Amino acid sequence: MRSYDEHEEATRKVLDEIGSVIDKYAIFPNKESRDTTVLWIAHTWVFKKFEATPRLSIYSSEPGSGKSRVMDLVCGMSPKDMSAVNARPSMLYEAIEMSESIVFSIDEVDNLFGRKGSNNAYKQLLAVLNEGFTAEGSTLAGSPGSYREMSLFAPVVMAGMGRLPDALHTRSIRIPMRKSGDHGKLEEYRGRKVKFEFNQVKTSLSGWSRSTGPALELLFPEIPLKDRDADKWEPLFAIAEMAGGDWLKRVARAARLLERDDAGDDIPMSVRMVRDIETYLEEHDLTDKDNVHTADLITGLLDLDWDERFVRPRAIAKVVGEFGIESKNVRTSKGLAKGYRVADLLVACKEA
C-alpha cells in the first residue's frame, strides 16, 4: 500500500506531465486557466470518486484564439473521447454504460442550443449534459415493459462562443481564450507526434488513477465557494490537495478568479489588479496590521504574470487611487519605504 507521500509525489508528477504537453501547444490568457485545465484533465480519470463532474467550457469570441486546440489537448489526454454533437441520446447512455471512463466533447457548442437553450432539436442532449453533472444523474431507457435505469454521469468538454444555457452555465467551469501574438513560439502540432505524447501521459494517468484514486476519495478539501460552485470545483481541489506543494493555493486562486469574474468574462484591468493584490496579500499571510512596500507589490504582480509596463509605481498608485487609497512611507521588516497599509488595500479588495 502506498504512503501518502508516494500518492503526493505521483499526483504532482502526472500534473507536471499534463502541463508539459499543454505548454507546448497552447497559450492561455492567465496561468489560472492553464492550471484549471491541467487539473480537469486529471479529474477525468478519477471523476467517479466524487459526487459531481464539472463541465469544462473553453470559450472565446475571437477566431484563432486557440480554443479548439485546447479542446484537442483535453480530449487527447482524457481516457476516451466521444463527440456528442450528432449522437442520439441512447448512444450516449450506452457509451457511458459500456465504458469505464468516457468524456463527451462538443465543438462549436454555441451553434447547438440557441439562446438560453431555446433550440428544441438538442433539448435531449442538453438534458443529458445537465443531469450527468452529478453521480445521481440517470435516465430510464429501453422499451415499454423493459425500462431500466442508466447512468448519465460523465465529464463533458465544450468549445464555442458566448454564454451557455443557464443551467449548463452554472454546471461549467469556463476557460477564456484570447488571440495571442505569442502563438509562433508554440511547437508545431503534428498528429502522429502529439498522439505519441498523449499516449505517454495517458499511461501515467491510468496507473495514477488506479493507485491514487482510492486515496482521493477520502479527501474533503476546504473550498472557498458555496453550493453548486463548491460541488463542481471539489474534484479539482482534492487533486490539488493530494499534489501538495503550491497546488492548493493555485487552484484556490483559479476558482476565485474564474468564478468571481462570471466564469472568466473580461473585467476592467484595475479590478483585476486589485484582486491579484489580494492574492499576493493572502499568499504572504499579511493582515490589516501589516504594511507592504510598493516594490514588493510589483514583484508579486510580476509573479502573477503581469506585464512590467502595467505594474510600475505610478500605475499601481493610479489603480488603488480609484478606491481612495494613497501611497505613503510605511515601515516593514525591510525598513522604511513607499508603500501601503494592508488594511487600506483589503478595503479595496472587498469593493473590487
Foldseek 3Di string as FASTA:
>chain_A
DDDLVVLLQLLLVLLVLLLVLCVQQADAPFVLLSSVLSLLLLCLLQVVLAFFAFEAEEEDPDPQLCSVVSVVSSCLQHPHEDEPQPDDPVVLLVVPVVDPTYEYEEEAVCVPQDDLRPDPVCNVVVLLLLQLGGQPRWDWDDDPPDTDITHSNHYYYYYHYDAYRPSSLLRHQYGYTDNDPCSVVHDDDDPVVSSVSSVVSNVSSNVSCVPCSVVLSPDDDDAPDDDSLCRNCRSSLSSQVSNDDCSNLSNNLSSCQCVVCSRDDDDDPLLVLLLQLVSVCVVVVHDLQDWDALVVSLVSVVVRVDDNVCSDPVNNQVSLVVVVFHWDWDQDPVGTDITGRVNSSVVVNVVD
